[in-house]
Protein backbone atom coordinates (compact mmCIF):
# COMPACT_ATOMS: atom_id res chain seq x y z
CA UNK A 1 120.50 102.39 127.53
CA UNK A 2 120.64 99.82 124.77
CA UNK A 3 117.95 99.44 122.17
CA UNK A 4 116.33 96.00 121.98
CA UNK A 5 115.89 94.93 118.34
CA UNK A 6 113.07 92.53 117.41
CA UNK A 7 113.19 91.25 113.82
CA UNK A 8 110.16 89.56 112.25
CA UNK A 9 109.81 88.31 108.69
CA UNK A 10 106.77 87.26 106.70
CA UNK A 11 106.75 85.22 103.47
CA UNK A 12 110.51 85.36 103.08
CA UNK A 13 113.77 83.97 104.43
CA UNK A 14 116.36 86.50 105.46
CA UNK A 15 120.00 85.49 105.20
CA UNK A 16 122.53 86.36 107.88
CA UNK A 17 124.03 89.28 105.91
CA UNK A 18 120.69 91.09 105.65
CA UNK A 19 119.89 90.29 109.30
CA UNK A 20 123.21 91.81 110.46
CA UNK A 21 122.81 94.84 108.16
CA UNK A 22 119.31 95.60 109.45
CA UNK A 23 120.21 95.08 113.11
CA UNK A 24 123.34 97.25 113.00
CA UNK A 25 121.58 100.11 111.21
CA UNK A 26 118.55 100.01 113.53
CA UNK A 27 120.70 99.88 116.67
CA UNK A 28 121.88 103.41 115.90
CA UNK A 29 118.38 104.86 116.41
CA UNK A 30 118.97 105.33 120.14
CA UNK A 31 121.57 107.96 119.26
CA UNK A 32 118.74 110.22 118.15
CA UNK A 33 116.45 109.55 121.10
CA UNK A 34 118.13 107.84 124.09
CA UNK A 35 114.82 106.98 125.81
CA UNK A 36 113.92 104.41 123.13
CA UNK A 37 113.60 100.89 124.52
CA UNK A 38 112.53 98.59 121.68
CA UNK A 39 112.56 98.63 117.90
CA UNK A 40 110.38 96.16 116.02
CA UNK A 41 111.46 95.51 112.45
CA UNK A 42 108.94 93.78 110.19
CA UNK A 43 110.23 92.67 106.80
CA UNK A 44 107.76 91.13 104.37
CA UNK A 45 107.47 89.91 100.81
CA UNK A 46 104.10 90.47 99.17
CA UNK A 47 103.77 88.37 96.05
CA UNK A 48 100.42 89.83 95.01
CA UNK A 49 101.52 93.47 95.16
CA UNK A 50 99.97 95.66 92.51
CA UNK A 51 103.35 96.85 91.27
CA UNK A 52 106.58 94.85 91.12
CA UNK A 53 108.38 97.77 92.75
CA UNK A 54 106.23 97.36 95.89
CA UNK A 55 106.91 93.71 96.67
CA UNK A 56 109.20 94.17 99.68
CA UNK A 57 107.83 95.97 102.71
CA UNK A 58 109.85 97.25 105.68
CA UNK A 59 108.07 98.50 108.80
CA UNK A 60 109.85 100.01 111.78
CA UNK A 61 108.10 100.63 115.09
CA UNK A 62 110.01 102.16 118.01
CA UNK A 63 108.81 102.51 121.59
CA UNK A 64 110.23 104.14 124.65
CA UNK A 65 109.17 106.64 127.24
CA UNK A 66 106.11 108.35 125.79
CA UNK A 67 107.20 107.80 122.20
CA UNK A 68 105.54 105.38 119.79
CA UNK A 69 106.68 105.99 116.21
CA UNK A 70 106.09 103.86 113.12
CA UNK A 71 107.20 103.99 109.50
CA UNK A 72 106.58 101.80 106.47
CA UNK A 73 108.24 101.76 103.07
CA UNK A 74 107.94 99.56 99.99
CA UNK A 75 110.49 98.82 97.30
CA UNK A 76 111.70 96.16 94.88
CA UNK A 77 114.70 95.44 97.14
CA UNK A 78 114.51 94.67 100.87
CA UNK A 79 117.58 96.77 101.72
CA UNK A 80 116.26 99.77 99.80
CA UNK A 81 112.90 99.49 101.55
CA UNK A 82 114.59 99.27 104.95
CA UNK A 83 116.93 102.20 104.24
CA UNK A 84 114.00 104.39 103.17
CA UNK A 85 112.03 103.43 106.28
CA UNK A 86 115.04 104.16 108.47
CA UNK A 87 115.53 107.63 106.95
CA UNK A 88 111.84 108.35 107.47
CA UNK A 89 112.12 107.20 111.11
CA UNK A 90 115.08 109.51 111.71
CA UNK A 91 113.03 112.46 110.42
CA UNK A 92 110.11 111.46 112.63
CA UNK A 93 112.37 111.27 115.69
CA UNK A 94 113.77 114.73 114.96
CA UNK A 95 110.24 116.10 114.62
CA UNK A 96 109.19 114.34 117.84
CA UNK A 97 112.14 115.77 119.75
CA UNK A 98 111.41 119.27 118.47
CA UNK A 99 107.78 119.13 119.57
CA UNK A 100 108.54 117.78 123.03
CA UNK A 101 111.49 120.03 123.82
CA UNK A 102 109.62 123.26 123.00
CA UNK A 103 106.40 122.28 124.76
């Protein structure tokens, strides 16, 4: 089954290179959990962030089967924020699989 990627941005314009990078990396999430149906990627720029290193926000929400998992990361670079959120999502999926395979 293929994972449907939905990309939303807020307060920023994303060029085609970043859009392709994010979509290709997120499409690999269904390797970890094949029952995933959709992945919503929210990328935002927050000008009034308390710290300059928290201006870019990446949120990933995946749904499929009984799973609903969400991660959020902040950084001073949109790619770094997305990569951190993606690593966190992979750990969450592994934890989710472990809980549901044993039980």
